[in-house]
Amino acid sequence: MIAMPHLARKTGTLLTTLMLGAAVIGLSATAHDVAANPLGLAQNGTGGLEVESDNGIEWRRNEQVLIARGNAVAKRGTSRVDADELQALYRDRDGNSEIYRIIATGNVKLSSDTDVAVGDRAVYDIDEAVVVLTGDNLKYTTPTETLTARDSLEYWETQRVAVARGDAVAVSEDRTLRGDVLTARFEAGQAGANELRRIDGQGNVNIRTATEFVVGDQGVYDAKTGIATLIGSVKITRGENQLNGDRAVVDLNTGISRLTADGSGDGKTRVRGLLVPQKDENNSPANAGDGN
């Protein structure tokens, strides 16, 4: 057994032991440990942060970093981070060593009893209680929603906010929201689980349901009421019918849409619509008789 020096425990401090190739890192409780959070090591439960790996731990004292390699896992409460490699960066504060950042690389998976987020790399800032995932196939899933992105996925633990950047897509029930950036805001539901409250979209926002397609520059979807509000070059398409305006309020539950101009009253902007009548095949020219 190789024993590492004991580092004093207090808020955010580190306790390390190396035994039989498994690294264990204890991170004491912080002020954030008030309520359970489904996807966050800082808020989920009290007690230490435990890190395990197949190939042990490398301690770089001069660089103030501990590296766990080989099926590395960081666990706390019901939340965990799995990766090929985990790095714990620490600093000296008041004579103690304090972890301030965890970096996970390779097959990264953040999970809890209810939620899962995946990516190629994750940087977890303990001070800000935020994790940023990058790489391919970025995805964050809850029991009822799926959020994907091309460039990055962020999760802010204390605010219960997920931000998807770059070709962002959110799927909730039978509704699909897209935008350059989507910000999903959650609130605590039963047993502290995340429940979607609203989604804010910026840039090339569109919402698709089974019956209609709505496009705008910006948009807000209220998950509690099922109402979506879009502004800027708004288009509502239902079948071959299309309505254009500056602002739209769409009730996705009832299918009722309300489209308005910019409200300036100068007459330069107006609501326009193209309504295509349904064809009656019985009265089409091909079926018309010659009178005989």
C-alpha atoms as a PDB file:
ATOM      1  CA  MET A   1       0.000   0.000   0.000  1.00  0.00           C
ATOM      2  CA  ILE A   2       1.217   3.468  -0.881  1.00  0.00           C
ATOM      3  CA  ALA A   3      -0.143   6.096   1.500  1.00  0.00           C
ATOM      4  CA  MET A   4      -0.352   9.731   0.486  1.00  0.00           C
ATOM      5  CA  PRO A   5      -0.059  12.566   3.020  1.00  0.00           C
ATOM      6  CA  HIS A   6      -3.208  13.526   4.892  1.00  0.00           C
ATOM      7  CA  LEU A   7      -4.521  16.916   3.792  1.00  0.00           C
ATOM      8  CA  ALA A   8      -6.707  18.683   6.363  1.00  0.00           C
ATOM      9  CA  ARG A   9     -10.477  18.424   5.814  1.00  0.00           C
ATOM     10  CA  LYS A  10     -12.717  21.480   5.760  1.00  0.00           C
ATOM     11  CA  THR A  11     -15.048  22.976   3.160  1.00  0.00           C
ATOM     12  CA  GLY A  12     -13.632  22.032  -0.225  1.00  0.00           C
ATOM     13  CA  THR A  13     -10.497  20.363   1.139  1.00  0.00           C
ATOM     14  CA  LEU A  14      -8.929  17.129  -0.032  1.00  0.00           C
ATOM     15  CA  LEU A  15      -8.187  13.781   1.582  1.00  0.00           C
ATOM     16  CA  THR A  16      -6.409  11.214  -0.597  1.00  0.00           C
ATOM     17  CA  THR A  17      -5.472   7.562  -0.214  1.00  0.00           C
ATOM     18  CA  LEU A  18      -4.047   5.122  -2.767  1.00  0.00           C
ATOM     19  CA  MET A  19      -4.791   1.453  -2.131  1.00  0.00           C
ATOM     20  CA  LEU A  20      -4.672  -1.557  -4.470  1.00  0.00           C
ATOM     21  CA  GLY A  21      -4.844   0.632  -7.569  1.00  0.00           C
ATOM     22  CA  ALA A  22      -8.006   2.444  -6.498  1.00  0.00           C
ATOM     23  CA  ALA A  23      -7.850   6.153  -5.781  1.00  0.00           C
ATOM     24  CA  VAL A  24     -10.223   7.671  -3.255  1.00  0.00           C
ATOM     25  CA  ILE A  25     -10.595  11.433  -2.940  1.00  0.00           C
ATOM     26  CA  GLY A  26     -12.734  12.877  -0.142  1.00  0.00           C
ATOM     27  CA  LEU A  27     -14.210  16.347  -0.604  1.00  0.00           C
ATOM     28  CA  SER A  28     -16.007  17.640   2.467  1.00  0.00           C
ATOM     29  CA  ALA A  29     -19.496  19.172   2.392  1.00  0.00           C
ATOM     30  CA  THR A  30     -19.976  22.666   1.026  1.00  0.00           C
ATOM     31  CA  ALA A  31     -22.534  25.378   1.598  1.00  0.00           C
ATOM     32  CA  HIS A  32     -24.427  24.125  -1.475  1.00  0.00           C
ATOM     33  CA  ASP A  33     -25.432  20.879   0.242  1.00  0.00           C
ATOM     34  CA  VAL A  34     -28.954  22.007   1.082  1.00  0.00           C
ATOM     35  CA  ALA A  35     -31.149  20.082  -1.328  1.00  0.00           C
ATOM     36  CA  ALA A  36     -30.692  17.198  -3.721  1.00  0.00           C
ATOM     37  CA  ASN A  37     -29.829  18.061  -7.303  1.00  0.00           C
ATOM     38  CA  PRO A  38     -30.193  15.395 -10.010  1.00  0.00           C
ATOM     39  CA  LEU A  39     -27.089  16.284 -12.027  1.00  0.00           C
ATOM     40  CA  GLY A  40     -24.436  17.904  -9.894  1.00  0.00           C
ATOM     41  CA  LEU A  41     -21.681  16.778  -7.569  1.00  0.00           C
ATOM     42  CA  ALA A  42     -21.707  20.016  -5.581  1.00  0.00           C
ATOM     43  CA  GLN A  43     -25.347  19.946  -4.566  1.00  0.00           C
ATOM     44  CA  ASN A  44     -26.262  16.297  -4.499  1.00  0.00           C
ATOM     45  CA  GLY A  45     -26.204  15.175  -0.910  1.00  0.00           C
ATOM     46  CA  THR A  46     -23.691  15.740   1.833  1.00  0.00           C
ATOM     47  CA  GLY A  47     -20.438  14.001   2.590  1.00  0.00           C
ATOM     48  CA  GLY A  48     -17.270  13.446   0.593  1.00  0.00           C
ATOM     49  CA  LEU A  49     -16.505  13.310  -3.101  1.00  0.00           C
ATOM     50  CA  GLU A  50     -15.132   9.849  -3.862  1.00  0.00           C
ATOM     51  CA  VAL A  51     -12.958   9.226  -6.924  1.00  0.00           C
ATOM     52  CA  GLU A  52     -12.000   5.710  -8.035  1.00  0.00           C
ATOM     53  CA  SER A  53      -9.952   4.411 -10.959  1.00  0.00           C
ATOM     54  CA  ASP A  54      -8.502   1.141 -12.236  1.00  0.00           C
ATOM     55  CA  ASN A  55      -4.962   2.455 -12.683  1.00  0.00           C
ATOM     56  CA  GLY A  56      -4.583   4.428  -9.481  1.00  0.00           C
ATOM     57  CA  ILE A  57      -3.687   8.076  -9.086  1.00  0.00           C
ATOM     58  CA  GLU A  58      -0.791  10.257 -10.171  1.00  0.00           C
ATOM     59  CA  TRP A  59       0.042  13.111  -7.825  1.00  0.00           C
ATOM     60  CA  ARG A  60       1.853  16.057  -9.430  1.00  0.00           C
ATOM     61  CA  ARG A  61       2.677  18.120  -6.380  1.00  0.00           C
ATOM     62  CA  ASN A  62       4.384  20.985  -8.220  1.00  0.00           C
ATOM     63  CA  GLU A  63       1.450  21.340 -10.595  1.00  0.00           C
ATOM     64  CA  GLN A  64      -1.089  20.813  -7.783  1.00  0.00           C
ATOM     65  CA  VAL A  65      -3.065  18.198  -9.676  1.00  0.00           C
ATOM     66  CA  LEU A  66      -4.170  14.618  -9.039  1.00  0.00           C
ATOM     67  CA  ILE A  67      -4.873  12.403 -12.064  1.00  0.00           C
ATOM     68  CA  ALA A  68      -6.985   9.226 -11.973  1.00  0.00           C
ATOM     69  CA  ARG A  69      -6.812   7.021 -15.076  1.00  0.00           C
ATOM     70  CA  GLY A  70      -8.704   3.983 -16.315  1.00  0.00           C
ATOM     71  CA  ASN A  71     -12.468   3.823 -15.830  1.00  0.00           C
ATOM     72  CA  ALA A  72     -12.271   6.787 -13.480  1.00  0.00           C
ATOM     73  CA  VAL A  73     -15.370   7.567 -11.436  1.00  0.00           C
ATOM     74  CA  ALA A  74     -16.214  10.526  -9.201  1.00  0.00           C
ATOM     75  CA  LYS A  75     -19.226   9.938  -6.926  1.00  0.00           C
ATOM     76  CA  ARG A  76     -21.188  11.967  -4.456  1.00  0.00           C
ATOM     77  CA  GLY A  77     -24.671  11.181  -3.218  1.00  0.00           C
ATOM     78  CA  THR A  78     -26.666   9.899  -6.187  1.00  0.00           C
ATOM     79  CA  SER A  79     -24.550  11.770  -8.754  1.00  0.00           C
ATOM     80  CA  ARG A  80     -21.422  10.506 -10.500  1.00  0.00           C
ATOM     81  CA  VAL A  81     -19.014  11.311 -13.321  1.00  0.00           C
ATOM     82  CA  ASP A  82     -17.507   8.493 -15.405  1.00  0.00           C
ATOM     83  CA  ALA A  83     -14.560   9.076 -17.761  1.00  0.00           C
ATOM     84  CA  ASP A  84     -11.386   7.541 -19.091  1.00  0.00           C
ATOM     85  CA  GLU A  85      -9.432  10.089 -17.059  1.00  0.00           C
ATOM     86  CA  LEU A  86     -10.227  12.505 -14.235  1.00  0.00           C
ATOM     87  CA  GLN A  87      -8.035  15.389 -13.089  1.00  0.00           C
ATOM     88  CA  ALA A  88      -8.590  17.121  -9.756  1.00  0.00           C
ATOM     89  CA  LEU A  89      -6.941  20.538  -9.589  1.00  0.00           C
ATOM     90  CA  TYR A  90      -6.341  21.947  -6.124  1.00  0.00           C
ATOM     91  CA  ARG A  91      -4.894  25.083  -4.553  1.00  0.00           C
ATOM     92  CA  ASP A  92      -3.533  26.143  -1.188  1.00  0.00           C
ATOM     93  CA  ARG A  93      -5.909  28.219   0.886  1.00  0.00           C
ATOM     94  CA  ASP A  94      -5.419  29.072   4.545  1.00  0.00           C
ATOM     95  CA  GLY A  95      -2.826  26.335   4.851  1.00  0.00           C
ATOM     96  CA  ASN A  96      -5.071  23.659   3.341  1.00  0.00           C
ATOM     97  CA  SER A  97      -5.381  22.088  -0.110  1.00  0.00           C
ATOM     98  CA  GLU A  98      -8.713  22.813  -1.782  1.00  0.00           C
ATOM     99  CA  ILE A  99     -10.090  21.290  -4.995  1.00  0.00           C
ATOM    100  CA  TYR A 100     -11.462  23.944  -7.329  1.00  0.00           C
ATOM    101  CA  ARG A 101     -11.831  22.123 -10.666  1.00  0.00           C
ATOM    102  CA  ILE A 102     -12.378  18.623 -12.028  1.00  0.00           C
ATOM    103  CA  ILE A 103     -11.564  17.814 -15.660  1.00  0.00           C
ATOM    104  CA  ALA A 104     -12.972  14.636 -17.235  1.00  0.00           C
ATOM    105  CA  THR A 105     -11.833  13.370 -20.649  1.00  0.00           C
ATOM    106  CA  GLY A 106     -12.860  10.434 -22.809  1.00  0.00           C
ATOM    107  CA  ASN A 107     -16.310   8.822 -22.810  1.00  0.00           C
ATOM    108  CA  VAL A 108     -17.593  11.293 -20.247  1.00  0.00           C
ATOM    109  CA  LYS A 109     -20.917  10.554 -18.588  1.00  0.00           C
ATOM    110  CA  LEU A 110     -22.563  12.552 -15.811  1.00  0.00           C
ATOM    111  CA  SER A 111     -25.478  10.721 -14.254  1.00  0.00           C
ATOM    112  CA  SER A 112     -27.903  10.577 -11.369  1.00  0.00           C
ATOM    113  CA  ASP A 113     -31.022   8.617 -10.504  1.00  0.00           C
ATOM    114  CA  THR A 114     -32.975  10.580 -13.124  1.00  0.00           C
ATOM    115  CA  ASP A 115     -30.705  12.538 -15.493  1.00  0.00           C
ATOM    116  CA  VAL A 116     -27.765  11.762 -17.802  1.00  0.00           C
ATOM    117  CA  ALA A 117     -25.359  14.006 -19.746  1.00  0.00           C
ATOM    118  CA  VAL A 118     -22.670  12.734 -22.134  1.00  0.00           C
ATOM    119  CA  GLY A 119     -19.768  14.208 -24.098  1.00  0.00           C
ATOM    120  CA  ASP A 120     -16.082  13.771 -24.870  1.00  0.00           C
ATOM    121  CA  ARG A 121     -14.780  16.244 -22.292  1.00  0.00           C
ATOM    122  CA  ALA A 122     -16.180  17.968 -19.212  1.00  0.00           C
ATOM    123  CA  VAL A 123     -14.814  20.776 -17.072  1.00  0.00           C
ATOM    124  CA  TYR A 124     -16.475  21.085 -13.678  1.00  0.00           C
ATOM    125  CA  ASP A 125     -15.883  24.395 -11.871  1.00  0.00           C
ATOM    126  CA  ILE A 126     -16.561  23.761  -8.192  1.00  0.00           C
ATOM    127  CA  ASP A 127     -16.480  27.450  -7.272  1.00  0.00           C
ATOM    128  CA  GLU A 128     -19.253  28.284  -9.743  1.00  0.00           C
ATOM    129  CA  ALA A 129     -20.995  24.883  -9.494  1.00  0.00           C
ATOM    130  CA  VAL A 130     -21.125  24.602 -13.297  1.00  0.00           C
ATOM    131  CA  VAL A 131     -20.052  21.859 -15.685  1.00  0.00           C
ATOM    132  CA  VAL A 132     -19.325  22.405 -19.400  1.00  0.00           C
ATOM    133  CA  LEU A 133     -19.311  19.444 -21.800  1.00  0.00           C
ATOM    134  CA  THR A 134     -17.775  19.537 -25.275  1.00  0.00           C
ATOM    135  CA  GLY A 135     -17.126  17.059 -28.072  1.00  0.00           C
ATOM    136  CA  ASP A 136     -19.330  14.988 -30.333  1.00  0.00           C
ATOM    137  CA  ASN A 137     -22.849  13.721 -29.660  1.00  0.00           C
ATOM    138  CA  LEU A 138     -23.496  16.057 -26.735  1.00  0.00           C
ATOM    139  CA  LYS A 139     -26.728  15.109 -24.983  1.00  0.00           C
ATOM    140  CA  TYR A 140     -28.561  15.818 -21.749  1.00  0.00           C
ATOM    141  CA  THR A 141     -31.620  13.726 -20.942  1.00  0.00           C
ATOM    142  CA  THR A 142     -34.238  13.853 -18.206  1.00  0.00           C
ATOM    143  CA  PRO A 143     -37.192  11.455 -17.862  1.00  0.00           C
ATOM    144  CA  THR A 144     -39.263  13.695 -20.183  1.00  0.00           C
ATOM    145  CA  GLU A 145     -36.812  15.892 -22.153  1.00  0.00           C
ATOM    146  CA  THR A 146     -33.760  15.509 -24.375  1.00  0.00           C
ATOM    147  CA  LEU A 147     -31.351  18.369 -25.089  1.00  0.00           C
ATOM    148  CA  THR A 148     -28.571  18.085 -27.691  1.00  0.00           C
ATOM    149  CA  ALA A 149     -25.969  20.491 -29.066  1.00  0.00           C
ATOM    150  CA  ARG A 150     -23.069  20.711 -31.495  1.00  0.00           C
ATOM    151  CA  ASP A 151     -20.648  23.064 -29.688  1.00  0.00           C
ATOM    152  CA  SER A 152     -21.194  22.739 -25.933  1.00  0.00           C
ATOM    153  CA  LEU A 153     -23.585  21.811 -23.153  1.00  0.00           C
ATOM    154  CA  GLU A 154     -23.558  23.637 -19.824  1.00  0.00           C
ATOM    155  CA  TYR A 155     -25.300  22.733 -16.598  1.00  0.00           C
ATOM    156  CA  TRP A 156     -25.518  25.285 -13.766  1.00  0.00           C
ATOM    157  CA  GLU A 157     -26.308  23.349 -10.622  1.00  0.00           C
ATOM    158  CA  THR A 158     -27.562  26.011  -8.237  1.00  0.00           C
ATOM    159  CA  GLN A 159     -29.725  27.691 -10.914  1.00  0.00           C
ATOM    160  CA  ARG A 160     -30.935  24.372 -12.400  1.00  0.00           C
ATOM    161  CA  VAL A 161     -30.203  25.676 -15.897  1.00  0.00           C
ATOM    162  CA  ALA A 162     -28.923  23.766 -18.950  1.00  0.00           C
ATOM    163  CA  VAL A 163     -27.539  25.678 -21.950  1.00  0.00           C
ATOM    164  CA  ALA A 164     -27.095  24.045 -25.362  1.00  0.00           C
ATOM    165  CA  ARG A 165     -24.983  25.931 -27.926  1.00  0.00           C
ATOM    166  CA  GLY A 166     -24.777  25.305 -31.671  1.00  0.00           C
ATOM    167  CA  ASP A 167     -27.596  23.587 -33.585  1.00  0.00           C
ATOM    168  CA  ALA A 168     -29.339  23.074 -30.262  1.00  0.00           C
ATOM    169  CA  VAL A 169     -32.374  20.774 -30.154  1.00  0.00           C
ATOM    170  CA  ALA A 170     -34.816  20.176 -27.304  1.00  0.00           C
ATOM    171  CA  VAL A 171     -37.431  17.443 -27.480  1.00  0.00           C
ATOM    172  CA  SER A 172     -40.245  17.518 -24.964  1.00  0.00           C
ATOM    173  CA  GLU A 173     -43.101  15.069 -25.437  1.00  0.00           C
ATOM    174  CA  ASP A 174     -44.259  15.527 -29.063  1.00  0.00           C
ATOM    175  CA  ARG A 175     -42.674  18.976 -29.436  1.00  0.00           C
ATOM    176  CA  THR A 176     -39.286  19.763 -30.931  1.00  0.00           C
ATOM    177  CA  LEU A 177     -37.556  23.113 -30.382  1.00  0.00           C
ATOM    178  CA  ARG A 178     -34.459  24.212 -32.271  1.00  0.00           C
ATOM    179  CA  GLY A 179     -32.203  27.243 -32.135  1.00  0.00           C
ATOM    180  CA  ASP A 180     -28.614  28.447 -32.236  1.00  0.00           C
ATOM    181  CA  VAL A 181     -28.721  28.555 -28.428  1.00  0.00           C
ATOM    182  CA  LEU A 182     -31.353  26.973 -26.169  1.00  0.00           C
ATOM    183  CA  THR A 183     -31.528  27.629 -22.437  1.00  0.00           C
ATOM    184  CA  ALA A 184     -33.639  25.139 -20.491  1.00  0.00           C
ATOM    185  CA  ARG A 185     -34.716  26.269 -17.026  1.00  0.00           C
ATOM    186  CA  PHE A 186     -35.811  23.660 -14.514  1.00  0.00           C
ATOM    187  CA  GLU A 187     -37.350  23.718 -11.065  1.00  0.00           C
ATOM    188  CA  ALA A 188     -37.384  21.219  -8.240  1.00  0.00           C
ATOM    189  CA  GLY A 189     -40.136  18.659  -8.576  1.00  0.00           C
ATOM    190  CA  GLN A 190     -40.896  15.573  -6.558  1.00  0.00           C
ATOM    191  CA  ALA A 191     -37.943  14.341  -4.500  1.00  0.00           C
ATOM    192  CA  GLY A 192     -35.868  17.206  -5.899  1.00  0.00           C
ATOM    193  CA  ALA A 193     -35.947  15.953  -9.504  1.00  0.00           C
ATOM    194  CA  ASN A 194     -35.688  18.482 -12.327  1.00  0.00           C
ATOM    195  CA  GLU A 195     -38.970  19.540 -13.927  1.00  0.00           C
ATOM    196  CA  LEU A 196     -38.850  21.696 -17.050  1.00  0.00           C
ATOM    197  CA  ARG A 197     -40.210  25.206 -16.505  1.00  0.00           C
ATOM    198  CA  ARG A 198     -39.298  27.026 -19.741  1.00  0.00           C
ATOM    199  CA  ILE A 199     -36.933  27.075 -22.692  1.00  0.00           C
ATOM    200  CA  ASP A 200     -35.479  30.292 -24.127  1.00  0.00           C
ATOM    201  CA  GLY A 201     -34.220  30.217 -27.720  1.00  0.00           C
ATOM    202  CA  GLN A 202     -31.854  32.604 -29.475  1.00  0.00           C
ATOM    203  CA  GLY A 203     -31.203  32.638 -33.221  1.00  0.00           C
ATOM    204  CA  ASN A 204     -33.085  30.689 -35.898  1.00  0.00           C
ATOM    205  CA  VAL A 205     -35.639  29.413 -33.431  1.00  0.00           C
ATOM    206  CA  ASN A 206     -38.279  26.980 -34.629  1.00  0.00           C
ATOM    207  CA  ILE A 207     -40.880  24.816 -32.975  1.00  0.00           C
ATOM    208  CA  ARG A 208     -42.387  21.754 -34.604  1.00  0.00           C
ATOM    209  CA  THR A 209     -45.467  19.838 -33.517  1.00  0.00           C
ATOM    210  CA  ALA A 210     -47.557  17.191 -35.247  1.00  0.00           C
ATOM    211  CA  THR A 211     -49.639  19.879 -36.977  1.00  0.00           C
ATOM    212  CA  GLU A 212     -47.566  23.059 -37.335  1.00  0.00           C
ATOM    213  CA  PHE A 213     -44.134  24.576 -37.791  1.00  0.00           C
ATOM    214  CA  VAL A 214     -43.289  27.975 -36.242  1.00  0.00           C
ATOM    215  CA  VAL A 215     -40.136  29.980 -37.035  1.00  0.00           C
ATOM    216  CA  GLY A 216     -38.752  33.166 -35.462  1.00  0.00           C
ATOM    217  CA  ASP A 217     -35.545  34.961 -34.492  1.00  0.00           C
ATOM    218  CA  GLN A 218     -36.129  34.454 -30.753  1.00  0.00           C
ATOM    219  CA  GLY A 219     -38.580  32.467 -28.708  1.00  0.00           C
ATOM    220  CA  VAL A 220     -39.750  31.368 -25.272  1.00  0.00           C
ATOM    221  CA  TYR A 221     -41.579  28.122 -24.566  1.00  0.00           C
ATOM    222  CA  ASP A 222     -43.500  27.870 -21.289  1.00  0.00           C
ATOM    223  CA  ALA A 223     -43.637  24.182 -20.412  1.00  0.00           C
ATOM    224  CA  LYS A 224     -46.282  24.711 -17.738  1.00  0.00           C
ATOM    225  CA  THR A 225     -48.833  26.370 -20.040  1.00  0.00           C
ATOM    226  CA  GLY A 226     -47.735  24.928 -23.381  1.00  0.00           C
ATOM    227  CA  ILE A 227     -47.571  28.448 -24.852  1.00  0.00           C
ATOM    228  CA  ALA A 228     -44.704  29.505 -27.136  1.00  0.00           C
ATOM    229  CA  THR A 229     -43.965  33.152 -27.892  1.00  0.00           C
ATOM    230  CA  LEU A 230     -41.760  33.996 -30.883  1.00  0.00           C
ATOM    231  CA  ILE A 231     -40.587  37.363 -32.175  1.00  0.00           C
ATOM    232  CA  GLY A 232     -38.772  38.533 -35.286  1.00  0.00           C
ATOM    233  CA  SER A 233     -39.650  37.402 -38.832  1.00  0.00           C
ATOM    234  CA  VAL A 234     -42.212  34.941 -37.543  1.00  0.00           C
ATOM    235  CA  LYS A 235     -43.740  32.339 -39.851  1.00  0.00           C
ATOM    236  CA  ILE A 236     -46.426  29.848 -38.894  1.00  0.00           C
ATOM    237  CA  THR A 237     -46.937  26.969 -41.302  1.00  0.00           C
ATOM    238  CA  ARG A 238     -49.775  24.474 -41.056  1.00  0.00           C
ATOM    239  CA  GLY A 239     -49.992  22.195 -44.043  1.00  0.00           C
ATOM    240  CA  GLU A 240     -49.881  24.464 -47.115  1.00  0.00           C
ATOM    241  CA  ASN A 241     -51.119  27.469 -45.143  1.00  0.00           C
ATOM    242  CA  GLN A 242     -48.689  30.099 -43.900  1.00  0.00           C
ATOM    243  CA  LEU A 243     -48.954  33.240 -41.747  1.00  0.00           C
ATOM    244  CA  ASN A 244     -46.192  35.860 -41.486  1.00  0.00           C
ATOM    245  CA  GLY A 245     -45.757  38.545 -38.820  1.00  0.00           C
ATOM    246  CA  ASP A 246     -43.456  40.071 -36.227  1.00  0.00           C
ATOM    247  CA  ARG A 247     -44.714  38.310 -33.116  1.00  0.00           C
ATOM    248  CA  ALA A 248     -46.651  35.128 -32.489  1.00  0.00           C
ATOM    249  CA  VAL A 249     -48.230  33.527 -29.449  1.00  0.00           C
ATOM    250  CA  VAL A 250     -48.912  29.859 -30.090  1.00  0.00           C
ATOM    251  CA  ASP A 251     -50.846  27.613 -27.730  1.00  0.00           C
ATOM    252  CA  LEU A 252     -49.381  24.207 -28.507  1.00  0.00           C
ATOM    253  CA  ASN A 253     -52.087  22.483 -26.476  1.00  0.00           C
ATOM    254  CA  THR A 254     -55.086  23.957 -28.298  1.00  0.00           C
ATOM    255  CA  GLY A 255     -53.447  24.755 -31.657  1.00  0.00           C
ATOM    256  CA  ILE A 256     -54.641  28.388 -31.450  1.00  0.00           C
ATOM    257  CA  SER A 257     -52.122  30.879 -32.843  1.00  0.00           C
ATOM    258  CA  ARG A 258     -52.188  34.654 -32.559  1.00  0.00           C
ATOM    259  CA  LEU A 259     -49.981  36.643 -34.936  1.00  0.00           C
ATOM    260  CA  THR A 260     -49.350  40.400 -34.707  1.00  0.00           C
ATOM    261  CA  ALA A 261     -47.253  43.115 -36.359  1.00  0.00           C
ATOM    262  CA  ASP A 262     -44.576  45.048 -34.481  1.00  0.00           C
ATOM    263  CA  GLY A 263     -47.158  47.390 -32.931  1.00  0.00           C
ATOM    264  CA  SER A 264     -45.651  50.624 -34.267  1.00  0.00           C
ATOM    265  CA  GLY A 265     -48.853  51.520 -36.068  1.00  0.00           C
ATOM    266  CA  ASP A 266     -46.985  53.113 -38.978  1.00  0.00           C
ATOM    267  CA  GLY A 267     -48.620  50.820 -41.490  1.00  0.00           C
ATOM    268  CA  LYS A 268     -45.279  49.613 -42.827  1.00  0.00           C
ATOM    269  CA  THR A 269     -45.493  46.213 -41.176  1.00  0.00           C
ATOM    270  CA  ARG A 270     -48.559  44.059 -41.486  1.00  0.00           C
ATOM    271  CA  VAL A 271     -49.578  40.495 -40.809  1.00  0.00           C
ATOM    272  CA  ARG A 272     -49.803  38.461 -43.991  1.00  0.00           C
ATOM    273  CA  GLY A 273     -51.242  35.057 -44.646  1.00  0.00           C
ATOM    274  CA  LEU A 274     -51.472  32.532 -47.452  1.00  0.00           C
ATOM    275  CA  LEU A 275     -54.398  30.156 -47.107  1.00  0.00           C
ATOM    276  CA  VAL A 276     -54.579  27.353 -49.641  1.00  0.00           C
ATOM    277  CA  PRO A 277     -58.080  25.867 -50.053  1.00  0.00           C
ATOM    278  CA  GLN A 278     -58.342  22.114 -49.929  1.00  0.00           C
ATOM    279  CA  LYS A 279     -58.845  20.476 -53.281  1.00  0.00           C
ATOM    280  CA  ASP A 280     -62.134  18.740 -53.980  1.00  0.00           C
ATOM    281  CA  GLU A 281     -61.261  15.843 -56.259  1.00  0.00           C
ATOM    282  CA  ASN A 282     -64.935  15.302 -57.139  1.00  0.00           C
ATOM    283  CA  ASN A 283     -65.137  18.778 -58.685  1.00  0.00           C
ATOM    284  CA  SER A 284     -61.721  18.786 -60.314  1.00  0.00           C
ATOM    285  CA  PRO A 285     -61.549  19.390 -64.120  1.00  0.00           C
ATOM    286  CA  ALA A 286     -60.390  15.806 -64.657  1.00  0.00           C
ATOM    287  CA  ASN A 287     -63.641  14.521 -63.178  1.00  0.00           C
ATOM    288  CA  ALA A 288     -65.982  17.077 -64.796  1.00  0.00           C
ATOM    289  CA  GLY A 289     -68.558  15.577 -67.146  1.00  0.00           C
ATOM    290  CA  ASP A 290     -69.118  16.699 -70.787  1.00  0.00           C
ATOM    291  CA  GLY A 291     -72.861  17.018 -70.217  1.00  0.00           C
ATOM    292  CA  ASN A 292     -73.784  13.928 -72.275  1.00  0.00           C
END
